[in-house]
Structures are given as structure tokens and as C-alpha cells.
Amino acid sequence: MADNKFEEFRELVLSDESLQEALREVTERADFIAKVIELSRKRGYEFSSAEVAEEMRVARQTLTATGI
């Protein structure tokens, strides 16, 4: 996976309230990953569950490191 593709999708989510709402509704980790994959595919992106999980791990680490 090219990191820039995931970042493109992340930016799309941040700019689209309907995508944000669709993801906010999901409470289970596995379901969230599946929803990210579903929503991204509809928009021309292809990510595996492992790739999404890794991006989530990196984001969590970044938030922890920055104290946010």
C-alpha cells in the first residue's frame, strides 16, 4: 500500500461529514476496519484489513507520543 493513498482517503473522510458519520456509528474494531474497506472501495481505494489495522496502530502511536 502506498501511504499517500491512505492519507488521501483519510483527507477525504475529514472533509466529508457523511463518511465521518458512517464511521462514528461503528463501535467494534473489526467492524470499523471492514467499514473503512467498504467505504474506501466505493471511492476507488483498495486497502486490506492488515493495512487499515496498521494505519490505526500508527495513528494511535502518534496520538500517544504527542499527548493528544
Protein backbone atom coordinates (compact mmCIF):
# COMPACT_ATOMS: atom_id res chain seq x y z
CA MET A 1 0.00 0.00 0.00
CA ALA A 2 1.24 3.45 -0.79
CA ASP A 3 0.97 5.58 2.33
CA ASN A 4 -0.13 8.52 0.24
CA LYS A 5 -3.26 6.62 -0.90
CA PHE A 6 -4.34 6.00 2.66
CA GLU A 7 -3.60 9.63 3.50
CA GLU A 8 -5.73 10.70 0.51
CA PHE A 9 -8.60 8.63 1.84
CA ARG A 10 -8.09 9.99 5.37
CA GLU A 11 -8.29 13.54 3.99
CA LEU A 12 -11.45 12.62 2.10
CA VAL A 13 -13.03 11.35 5.32
CA LEU A 14 -12.02 14.51 7.16
CA SER A 15 -13.72 16.64 4.51
CA ASP A 16 -16.90 14.55 4.19
CA GLU A 17 -19.35 14.62 7.10
CA SER A 18 -21.32 11.63 5.76
CA LEU A 19 -18.18 9.46 5.77
CA GLN A 20 -17.35 10.61 9.29
CA GLU A 21 -20.86 9.76 10.47
CA ALA A 22 -20.75 6.32 8.84
CA LEU A 23 -17.50 5.56 10.69
CA ARG A 24 -18.67 7.05 14.01
CA GLU A 25 -21.57 4.59 14.09
CA VAL A 26 -19.21 1.59 14.23
CA THR A 27 -18.18 0.51 17.72
CA GLU A 28 -16.25 -2.73 17.20
CA ARG A 29 -12.68 -2.62 15.87
CA ALA A 30 -13.17 -5.39 13.29
CA ASP A 31 -16.39 -3.79 12.08
CA PHE A 32 -14.65 -0.40 11.83
CA ILE A 33 -11.89 -1.89 9.69
CA ALA A 34 -14.49 -3.57 7.46
CA LYS A 35 -16.38 -0.27 7.12
CA VAL A 36 -13.20 1.60 6.16
CA ILE A 37 -12.53 -1.02 3.49
CA GLU A 38 -16.10 -0.83 2.21
CA LEU A 39 -16.20 2.96 2.07
CA SER A 40 -12.76 3.26 0.53
CA ARG A 41 -13.53 0.72 -2.21
CA LYS A 42 -16.62 2.69 -3.19
CA ARG A 43 -14.28 5.61 -3.79
CA GLY A 44 -11.63 3.75 -5.75
CA TYR A 45 -9.19 2.84 -2.97
CA GLU A 46 -8.09 -0.70 -2.15
CA PHE A 47 -6.82 -1.47 1.34
CA SER A 48 -6.52 -4.79 3.13
CA SER A 49 -7.64 -5.26 6.70
CA ALA A 50 -3.98 -5.56 7.73
CA GLU A 51 -3.19 -2.23 6.09
CA VAL A 52 -6.08 -0.47 7.82
CA ALA A 53 -5.12 -2.02 11.17
CA GLU A 54 -1.52 -0.87 10.71
CA GLU A 55 -2.63 2.67 9.88
CA MET A 56 -4.80 2.66 13.02
CA ARG A 57 -1.83 1.46 15.10
CA VAL A 58 0.43 4.18 13.71
CA ALA A 59 -2.22 6.86 14.32
CA ARG A 60 -2.68 5.65 17.90
CA GLN A 61 1.09 5.74 18.47
CA THR A 62 1.30 9.25 17.06
CA LEU A 63 -1.51 10.46 19.30
CA THR A 64 0.13 8.87 22.34
CA ALA A 65 3.53 10.35 21.51
CA THR A 66 2.13 13.84 21.01
CA GLY A 67 -0.07 13.68 24.09
CA ILE A 68 -3.27 14.41 22.20
